[in-house]
């Protein structure tokens, strides 16, 4: 089990999407509909749907919106989306993984490629950077649930593999297959999580200076602004000092 971590910068800055709540709800709805179409429309019978619903609740998405997304799948309405993963390098050699759900592969590929090329990056081929990451389960809790020792104890009890605590909150890591079970156990002791999802955790991180960080964050914002892009992961680490200088 690990202690303090700078993971807060590895998955895009917290709060960045709060400014785009309606866009975020749209992405969450898309994931719920896709999950419900792929399996049973009942979260108790469909682990992926349960994950999507939990994430939506964690982002304060209204229950009506959640139910509407499930009903759309049950009625076989809405577009058929496919999951696509893009990999590439941003400024400073930072490795990025972009997860998308799209109903138009050509449109999404063009948009992602344009975002990379306009912001000092290069889109690579499938598998170009994924070897530098681990596919793991990630559960996030705010700092308000308790101190590092409290969360560490709950995580060990729940069967988690690792915990990283900082002033921003707690990130709990599990094996991919154990995510649902561990999240369920943690809910009993710590309450509902802010985030429960499959994550790409980098094996090594790249420190970014101010110039690199500025261009990199523009690239991530451009990707985030695309409706088809669900999540952007990277192996970057930006110090608090640099973030403050950039006004983030």
C-alpha atoms as a PDB file:
ATOM      1  CA  UNK A   1       0.000   0.000   0.000  1.00  0.00           C
ATOM      2  CA  UNK A   2       1.305   3.444  -0.872  1.00  0.00           C
ATOM      3  CA  UNK A   3       0.792   6.809   0.756  1.00  0.00           C
ATOM      4  CA  UNK A   4       0.907  10.340  -0.660  1.00  0.00           C
ATOM      5  CA  UNK A   5       0.643  10.710  -4.420  1.00  0.00           C
ATOM      6  CA  UNK A   6       0.501  13.312  -7.162  1.00  0.00           C
ATOM      7  CA  UNK A   7      -2.061  11.294  -9.097  1.00  0.00           C
ATOM      8  CA  UNK A   8      -4.437  14.279  -9.065  1.00  0.00           C
ATOM      9  CA  UNK A   9      -2.660  15.602 -12.150  1.00  0.00           C
ATOM     10  CA  UNK A  10      -2.485  12.359 -14.080  1.00  0.00           C
ATOM     11  CA  UNK A  11      -6.156  12.167 -14.911  1.00  0.00           C
ATOM     12  CA  UNK A  12      -7.033  15.684 -16.053  1.00  0.00           C
ATOM     13  CA  UNK A  13      -7.398  18.389 -13.387  1.00  0.00           C
ATOM     14  CA  UNK A  14     -10.245  17.934 -10.931  1.00  0.00           C
ATOM     15  CA  UNK A  15     -13.018  20.410 -11.464  1.00  0.00           C
ATOM     16  CA  UNK A  16     -12.135  21.141 -15.070  1.00  0.00           C
ATOM     17  CA  UNK A  17     -15.315  19.453 -16.218  1.00  0.00           C
ATOM     18  CA  UNK A  18     -17.474  21.130 -13.584  1.00  0.00           C
ATOM     19  CA  UNK A  19     -17.569  24.141 -15.880  1.00  0.00           C
ATOM     20  CA  UNK A  20     -19.062  21.942 -18.569  1.00  0.00           C
ATOM     21  CA  UNK A  21     -21.710  20.139 -16.552  1.00  0.00           C
ATOM     22  CA  UNK A  22     -24.196  19.687 -19.394  1.00  0.00           C
ATOM     23  CA  UNK A  23     -21.489  18.257 -21.666  1.00  0.00           C
ATOM     24  CA  UNK A  24     -20.432  15.944 -18.860  1.00  0.00           C
ATOM     25  CA  UNK A  25     -24.015  14.741 -18.319  1.00  0.00           C
ATOM     26  CA  UNK A  26     -24.243  14.050 -22.048  1.00  0.00           C
ATOM     27  CA  UNK A  27     -21.103  11.870 -21.903  1.00  0.00           C
ATOM     28  CA  UNK A  28     -22.336  10.061 -18.804  1.00  0.00           C
ATOM     29  CA  UNK A  29     -25.721   9.413 -20.491  1.00  0.00           C
ATOM     30  CA  UNK A  30     -23.962   7.996 -23.535  1.00  0.00           C
ATOM     31  CA  UNK A  31     -21.966   5.571 -21.371  1.00  0.00           C
ATOM     32  CA  UNK A  32     -25.117   4.489 -19.472  1.00  0.00           C
ATOM     33  CA  UNK A  33     -27.020   3.842 -22.716  1.00  0.00           C
ATOM     34  CA  UNK A  34     -24.122   1.874 -24.240  1.00  0.00           C
ATOM     35  CA  UNK A  35     -23.703  -0.196 -21.051  1.00  0.00           C
ATOM     36  CA  UNK A  36     -27.454  -0.916 -20.867  1.00  0.00           C
ATOM     37  CA  UNK A  37     -27.556  -1.961 -24.546  1.00  0.00           C
ATOM     38  CA  UNK A  38     -24.605  -4.318 -24.092  1.00  0.00           C
ATOM     39  CA  UNK A  39     -26.164  -6.175 -21.160  1.00  0.00           C
ATOM     40  CA  UNK A  40     -29.250  -6.228 -18.957  1.00  0.00           C
ATOM     41  CA  UNK A  41     -30.869  -2.822 -18.294  1.00  0.00           C
ATOM     42  CA  UNK A  42     -30.685  -3.604 -14.556  1.00  0.00           C
ATOM     43  CA  UNK A  43     -27.565  -2.231 -12.772  1.00  0.00           C
ATOM     44  CA  UNK A  44     -27.660  -5.165 -10.302  1.00  0.00           C
ATOM     45  CA  UNK A  45     -27.315  -7.621 -13.197  1.00  0.00           C
ATOM     46  CA  UNK A  46     -24.927  -5.570 -15.349  1.00  0.00           C
ATOM     47  CA  UNK A  47     -21.571  -4.586 -13.791  1.00  0.00           C
ATOM     48  CA  UNK A  48     -20.701  -2.066 -16.524  1.00  0.00           C
ATOM     49  CA  UNK A  49     -24.076  -0.357 -16.167  1.00  0.00           C
ATOM     50  CA  UNK A  50     -23.677  -0.295 -12.386  1.00  0.00           C
ATOM     51  CA  UNK A  51     -20.316   1.415 -12.854  1.00  0.00           C
ATOM     52  CA  UNK A  52     -21.808   3.985 -15.244  1.00  0.00           C
ATOM     53  CA  UNK A  53     -24.737   4.722 -12.920  1.00  0.00           C
ATOM     54  CA  UNK A  54     -22.424   5.078  -9.898  1.00  0.00           C
ATOM     55  CA  UNK A  55     -20.228   7.529 -11.804  1.00  0.00           C
ATOM     56  CA  UNK A  56     -23.271   9.544 -12.844  1.00  0.00           C
ATOM     57  CA  UNK A  57     -24.471   9.682  -9.231  1.00  0.00           C
ATOM     58  CA  UNK A  58     -20.967  10.715  -8.131  1.00  0.00           C
ATOM     59  CA  UNK A  59     -21.213  13.690 -10.504  1.00  0.00           C
ATOM     60  CA  UNK A  60     -24.671  14.642  -9.115  1.00  0.00           C
ATOM     61  CA  UNK A  61     -26.470  13.702 -12.302  1.00  0.00           C
ATOM     62  CA  UNK A  62     -30.275  13.791 -11.664  1.00  0.00           C
ATOM     63  CA  UNK A  63     -31.976  10.398 -11.258  1.00  0.00           C
ATOM     64  CA  UNK A  64     -34.409  11.256 -14.070  1.00  0.00           C
ATOM     65  CA  UNK A  65     -31.505  11.701 -16.514  1.00  0.00           C
ATOM     66  CA  UNK A  66     -30.028   8.353 -15.461  1.00  0.00           C
ATOM     67  CA  UNK A  67     -33.354   6.537 -15.875  1.00  0.00           C
ATOM     68  CA  UNK A  68     -33.976   8.201 -19.243  1.00  0.00           C
ATOM     69  CA  UNK A  69     -30.618   6.929 -20.548  1.00  0.00           C
ATOM     70  CA  UNK A  70     -31.440   3.374 -19.394  1.00  0.00           C
ATOM     71  CA  UNK A  71     -34.961   3.552 -20.894  1.00  0.00           C
ATOM     72  CA  UNK A  72     -33.519   4.704 -24.217  1.00  0.00           C
ATOM     73  CA  UNK A  73     -31.395   1.547 -24.347  1.00  0.00           C
ATOM     74  CA  UNK A  74     -34.294  -0.675 -23.265  1.00  0.00           C
ATOM     75  CA  UNK A  75     -36.435   0.724 -26.101  1.00  0.00           C
ATOM     76  CA  UNK A  76     -33.467   0.249 -28.457  1.00  0.00           C
ATOM     77  CA  UNK A  77     -33.523   3.957 -29.268  1.00  0.00           C
ATOM     78  CA  UNK A  78     -30.620   6.302 -29.900  1.00  0.00           C
ATOM     79  CA  UNK A  79     -27.494   5.859 -31.946  1.00  0.00           C
ATOM     80  CA  UNK A  80     -25.280   2.812 -31.847  1.00  0.00           C
ATOM     81  CA  UNK A  81     -21.910   3.785 -30.435  1.00  0.00           C
ATOM     82  CA  UNK A  82     -18.629   1.957 -30.710  1.00  0.00           C
ATOM     83  CA  UNK A  83     -15.719   2.184 -28.309  1.00  0.00           C
ATOM     84  CA  UNK A  84     -12.447   3.408 -29.764  1.00  0.00           C
ATOM     85  CA  UNK A  85      -9.110   4.045 -28.070  1.00  0.00           C
ATOM     86  CA  UNK A  86      -6.583   6.506 -29.501  1.00  0.00           C
ATOM     87  CA  UNK A  87      -2.964   6.696 -28.384  1.00  0.00           C
ATOM     88  CA  UNK A  88      -0.362   9.353 -28.989  1.00  0.00           C
ATOM     89  CA  UNK A  89       2.218  11.747 -27.606  1.00  0.00           C
ATOM     90  CA  UNK A  90       1.654  15.270 -26.368  1.00  0.00           C
ATOM     91  CA  UNK A  91       4.234  18.021 -25.822  1.00  0.00           C
ATOM     92  CA  UNK A  92       7.361  16.964 -23.925  1.00  0.00           C
ATOM     93  CA  UNK A  93       6.884  13.320 -24.913  1.00  0.00           C
ATOM     94  CA  UNK A  94       3.893  12.879 -22.605  1.00  0.00           C
ATOM     95  CA  UNK A  95       1.975   9.689 -23.450  1.00  0.00           C
ATOM     96  CA  UNK A  96      -1.808  10.075 -23.794  1.00  0.00           C
ATOM     97  CA  UNK A  97      -4.638   7.558 -24.083  1.00  0.00           C
ATOM     98  CA  UNK A  98      -7.975   8.875 -25.333  1.00  0.00           C
ATOM     99  CA  UNK A  99     -11.135   6.794 -24.817  1.00  0.00           C
ATOM    100  CA  UNK A 100     -14.093   7.596 -27.078  1.00  0.00           C
ATOM    101  CA  UNK A 101     -17.645   6.434 -27.750  1.00  0.00           C
ATOM    102  CA  UNK A 102     -18.675   7.361 -31.276  1.00  0.00           C
ATOM    103  CA  UNK A 103     -21.352   6.835 -33.898  1.00  0.00           C
ATOM    104  CA  UNK A 104     -19.025   8.171 -36.600  1.00  0.00           C
ATOM    105  CA  UNK A 105     -15.501   6.773 -36.530  1.00  0.00           C
ATOM    106  CA  UNK A 106     -14.190   9.104 -39.274  1.00  0.00           C
ATOM    107  CA  UNK A 107     -15.430  12.264 -37.554  1.00  0.00           C
ATOM    108  CA  UNK A 108     -13.910  11.284 -34.213  1.00  0.00           C
ATOM    109  CA  UNK A 109     -10.568  10.249 -35.725  1.00  0.00           C
ATOM    110  CA  UNK A 110     -10.324  13.555 -37.602  1.00  0.00           C
ATOM    111  CA  UNK A 111     -11.171  15.594 -34.503  1.00  0.00           C
ATOM    112  CA  UNK A 112      -8.719  13.744 -32.272  1.00  0.00           C
ATOM    113  CA  UNK A 113      -5.931  13.956 -34.875  1.00  0.00           C
ATOM    114  CA  UNK A 114      -6.559  17.703 -35.312  1.00  0.00           C
ATOM    115  CA  UNK A 115      -6.455  18.316 -31.535  1.00  0.00           C
ATOM    116  CA  UNK A 116      -3.083  16.531 -31.305  1.00  0.00           C
ATOM    117  CA  UNK A 117      -1.506  18.268 -34.310  1.00  0.00           C
ATOM    118  CA  UNK A 118      -2.676  21.771 -33.302  1.00  0.00           C
ATOM    119  CA  UNK A 119      -1.331  21.443 -29.762  1.00  0.00           C
ATOM    120  CA  UNK A 120       2.172  20.060 -30.123  1.00  0.00           C
ATOM    121  CA  UNK A 121       1.249  16.391 -30.190  1.00  0.00           C
ATOM    122  CA  UNK A 122       1.306  13.396 -32.518  1.00  0.00           C
ATOM    123  CA  UNK A 123      -1.387  10.756 -32.803  1.00  0.00           C
ATOM    124  CA  UNK A 124       0.151   7.285 -32.878  1.00  0.00           C
ATOM    125  CA  UNK A 125      -1.084   3.852 -33.838  1.00  0.00           C
ATOM    126  CA  UNK A 126      -2.973   1.442 -31.567  1.00  0.00           C
ATOM    127  CA  UNK A 127      -0.642   0.154 -28.871  1.00  0.00           C
ATOM    128  CA  UNK A 128       1.824   3.033 -29.299  1.00  0.00           C
ATOM    129  CA  UNK A 129       1.759   4.031 -25.619  1.00  0.00           C
ATOM    130  CA  UNK A 130      -0.557   1.588 -23.792  1.00  0.00           C
ATOM    131  CA  UNK A 131       2.427  -0.637 -22.874  1.00  0.00           C
ATOM    132  CA  UNK A 132       3.536   2.127 -20.483  1.00  0.00           C
ATOM    133  CA  UNK A 133       0.280   1.919 -18.508  1.00  0.00           C
ATOM    134  CA  UNK A 134      -1.529  -0.653 -16.368  1.00  0.00           C
ATOM    135  CA  UNK A 135      -5.260  -1.284 -16.787  1.00  0.00           C
ATOM    136  CA  UNK A 136      -6.635  -1.131 -13.235  1.00  0.00           C
ATOM    137  CA  UNK A 137      -9.778  -0.352 -11.273  1.00  0.00           C
ATOM    138  CA  UNK A 138      -9.830   3.107  -9.683  1.00  0.00           C
ATOM    139  CA  UNK A 139     -12.089   4.329  -6.868  1.00  0.00           C
ATOM    140  CA  UNK A 140     -11.972   7.974  -5.772  1.00  0.00           C
ATOM    141  CA  UNK A 141     -13.143   9.472  -2.480  1.00  0.00           C
ATOM    142  CA  UNK A 142     -13.013  13.097  -1.313  1.00  0.00           C
ATOM    143  CA  UNK A 143     -10.688  14.023   1.566  1.00  0.00           C
ATOM    144  CA  UNK A 144     -13.782  14.597   3.726  1.00  0.00           C
ATOM    145  CA  UNK A 145     -14.425  10.838   4.163  1.00  0.00           C
ATOM    146  CA  UNK A 146     -11.509  10.590   6.586  1.00  0.00           C
ATOM    147  CA  UNK A 147      -7.761  10.630   7.036  1.00  0.00           C
ATOM    148  CA  UNK A 148      -5.210   8.488   5.272  1.00  0.00           C
ATOM    149  CA  UNK A 149      -5.192   5.801   7.991  1.00  0.00           C
ATOM    150  CA  UNK A 150      -8.997   5.457   7.986  1.00  0.00           C
ATOM    151  CA  UNK A 151      -9.140   5.035   4.218  1.00  0.00           C
ATOM    152  CA  UNK A 152      -6.120   2.712   4.166  1.00  0.00           C
ATOM    153  CA  UNK A 153      -7.733   0.455   6.756  1.00  0.00           C
ATOM    154  CA  UNK A 154     -11.042   0.391   4.829  1.00  0.00           C
ATOM    155  CA  UNK A 155      -9.194  -0.341   1.576  1.00  0.00           C
ATOM    156  CA  UNK A 156      -7.221  -3.262   3.051  1.00  0.00           C
ATOM    157  CA  UNK A 157     -10.437  -4.637   4.539  1.00  0.00           C
ATOM    158  CA  UNK A 158     -12.198  -4.347   1.155  1.00  0.00           C
ATOM    159  CA  UNK A 159      -9.400  -6.178  -0.689  1.00  0.00           C
ATOM    160  CA  UNK A 160      -7.882  -3.211  -2.557  1.00  0.00           C
ATOM    161  CA  UNK A 161      -4.278  -3.272  -3.789  1.00  0.00           C
ATOM    162  CA  UNK A 162      -3.102   0.282  -3.182  1.00  0.00           C
ATOM    163  CA  UNK A 163      -4.134   3.673  -1.799  1.00  0.00           C
ATOM    164  CA  UNK A 164      -2.818   7.121  -2.686  1.00  0.00           C
ATOM    165  CA  UNK A 165      -3.887   9.969  -0.414  1.00  0.00           C
ATOM    166  CA  UNK A 166      -3.352  13.703  -0.844  1.00  0.00           C
ATOM    167  CA  UNK A 167      -5.014  16.943   0.231  1.00  0.00           C
ATOM    168  CA  UNK A 168      -7.362  16.532  -2.747  1.00  0.00           C
ATOM    169  CA  UNK A 169      -8.694  13.153  -1.676  1.00  0.00           C
ATOM    170  CA  UNK A 170      -8.032   9.432  -1.890  1.00  0.00           C
ATOM    171  CA  UNK A 171      -7.452   7.190  -4.904  1.00  0.00           C
ATOM    172  CA  UNK A 172      -7.882   3.466  -4.278  1.00  0.00           C
ATOM    173  CA  UNK A 173      -6.529   0.949  -6.806  1.00  0.00           C
ATOM    174  CA  UNK A 174      -7.744  -2.589  -7.460  1.00  0.00           C
ATOM    175  CA  UNK A 175      -7.271  -5.283 -10.050  1.00  0.00           C
ATOM    176  CA  UNK A 176      -9.632  -4.806 -12.981  1.00  0.00           C
ATOM    177  CA  UNK A 177     -11.660  -7.916 -12.174  1.00  0.00           C
ATOM    178  CA  UNK A 178     -12.072  -6.961  -8.499  1.00  0.00           C
ATOM    179  CA  UNK A 179     -13.311  -3.394  -9.072  1.00  0.00           C
ATOM    180  CA  UNK A 180     -17.045  -3.985  -8.519  1.00  0.00           C
ATOM    181  CA  UNK A 181     -16.542  -6.167  -5.463  1.00  0.00           C
ATOM    182  CA  UNK A 182     -14.050  -3.784  -3.792  1.00  0.00           C
ATOM    183  CA  UNK A 183     -16.202  -0.736  -4.589  1.00  0.00           C
ATOM    184  CA  UNK A 184     -19.199  -2.476  -3.001  1.00  0.00           C
ATOM    185  CA  UNK A 185     -17.253  -3.262   0.182  1.00  0.00           C
ATOM    186  CA  UNK A 186     -15.868   0.283   0.416  1.00  0.00           C
ATOM    187  CA  UNK A 187     -19.363   1.725   0.091  1.00  0.00           C
ATOM    188  CA  UNK A 188     -20.318  -0.076   3.317  1.00  0.00           C
ATOM    189  CA  UNK A 189     -17.541   1.634   5.288  1.00  0.00           C
ATOM    190  CA  UNK A 190     -16.931   4.947   3.461  1.00  0.00           C
ATOM    191  CA  UNK A 191     -20.219   5.611   1.657  1.00  0.00           C
ATOM    192  CA  UNK A 192     -20.699   6.214  -2.065  1.00  0.00           C
ATOM    193  CA  UNK A 193     -17.528   6.982  -4.036  1.00  0.00           C
ATOM    194  CA  UNK A 194     -17.035  10.073  -6.195  1.00  0.00           C
ATOM    195  CA  UNK A 195     -15.733   7.947  -9.041  1.00  0.00           C
ATOM    196  CA  UNK A 196     -15.531   4.231  -9.821  1.00  0.00           C
ATOM    197  CA  UNK A 197     -13.985   3.350 -13.153  1.00  0.00           C
ATOM    198  CA  UNK A 198     -11.448   1.378 -15.133  1.00  0.00           C
ATOM    199  CA  UNK A 199      -8.322   3.479 -15.441  1.00  0.00           C
ATOM    200  CA  UNK A 200      -5.018   3.603 -17.286  1.00  0.00           C
ATOM    201  CA  UNK A 201      -2.353   4.036 -14.606  1.00  0.00           C
ATOM    202  CA  UNK A 202       1.100   5.046 -15.905  1.00  0.00           C
ATOM    203  CA  UNK A 203       4.131   3.028 -14.837  1.00  0.00           C
ATOM    204  CA  UNK A 204       6.383   6.106 -15.049  1.00  0.00           C
ATOM    205  CA  UNK A 205       5.376   9.788 -15.021  1.00  0.00           C
ATOM    206  CA  UNK A 206       6.894  12.731 -16.908  1.00  0.00           C
ATOM    207  CA  UNK A 207       7.511  16.008 -15.043  1.00  0.00           C
ATOM    208  CA  UNK A 208       6.273  19.019 -17.043  1.00  0.00           C
ATOM    209  CA  UNK A 209       7.734  22.508 -16.897  1.00  0.00           C
ATOM    210  CA  UNK A 210       5.509  25.566 -17.299  1.00  0.00           C
ATOM    211  CA  UNK A 211       5.757  25.800 -21.105  1.00  0.00           C
ATOM    212  CA  UNK A 212       5.105  22.095 -21.657  1.00  0.00           C
ATOM    213  CA  UNK A 213       2.256  22.064 -19.146  1.00  0.00           C
ATOM    214  CA  UNK A 214       0.549  25.039 -20.793  1.00  0.00           C
ATOM    215  CA  UNK A 215       0.507  23.416 -24.248  1.00  0.00           C
ATOM    216  CA  UNK A 216      -0.356  19.999 -22.837  1.00  0.00           C
ATOM    217  CA  UNK A 217      -3.385  21.303 -20.922  1.00  0.00           C
ATOM    218  CA  UNK A 218      -4.601  23.063 -24.082  1.00  0.00           C
ATOM    219  CA  UNK A 219      -4.403  19.712 -25.890  1.00  0.00           C
ATOM    220  CA  UNK A 220      -6.286  17.913 -23.113  1.00  0.00           C
ATOM    221  CA  UNK A 221      -8.944  20.634 -23.062  1.00  0.00           C
ATOM    222  CA  UNK A 222      -9.364  20.366 -26.845  1.00  0.00           C
ATOM    223  CA  UNK A 223      -9.834  16.601 -26.535  1.00  0.00           C
ATOM    224  CA  UNK A 224     -12.164  16.954 -23.537  1.00  0.00           C
ATOM    225  CA  UNK A 225     -14.331  19.420 -25.463  1.00  0.00           C
ATOM    226  CA  UNK A 226     -15.093  16.796 -28.105  1.00  0.00           C
ATOM    227  CA  UNK A 227     -18.491  15.172 -27.467  1.00  0.00           C
ATOM    228  CA  UNK A 228     -17.198  11.754 -28.532  1.00  0.00           C
ATOM    229  CA  UNK A 229     -14.252  11.735 -26.096  1.00  0.00           C
ATOM    230  CA  UNK A 230     -15.115  10.123 -22.764  1.00  0.00           C
ATOM    231  CA  UNK A 231     -11.802  10.220 -20.892  1.00  0.00           C
ATOM    232  CA  UNK A 232      -8.220  11.376 -21.428  1.00  0.00           C
ATOM    233  CA  UNK A 233      -5.438   9.630 -19.509  1.00  0.00           C
ATOM    234  CA  UNK A 234      -1.773  10.594 -19.460  1.00  0.00           C
ATOM    235  CA  UNK A 235       1.548   9.950 -17.755  1.00  0.00           C
ATOM    236  CA  UNK A 236       2.217  13.617 -16.952  1.00  0.00           C
ATOM    237  CA  UNK A 237       2.924  15.156 -13.567  1.00  0.00           C
ATOM    238  CA  UNK A 238       2.519  18.913 -13.111  1.00  0.00           C
ATOM    239  CA  UNK A 239       3.709  20.417  -9.826  1.00  0.00           C
ATOM    240  CA  UNK A 240       1.410  22.576  -7.716  1.00  0.00           C
ATOM    241  CA  UNK A 241       3.773  25.518  -8.334  1.00  0.00           C
ATOM    242  CA  UNK A 242       3.402  25.224 -12.104  1.00  0.00           C
ATOM    243  CA  UNK A 243      -0.372  24.788 -11.821  1.00  0.00           C
ATOM    244  CA  UNK A 244      -0.547  27.977  -9.733  1.00  0.00           C
ATOM    245  CA  UNK A 245       1.500  29.913 -12.302  1.00  0.00           C
ATOM    246  CA  UNK A 246      -0.874  28.749 -15.016  1.00  0.00           C
ATOM    247  CA  UNK A 247      -3.821  29.876 -12.901  1.00  0.00           C
ATOM    248  CA  UNK A 248      -5.308  26.387 -12.762  1.00  0.00           C
END
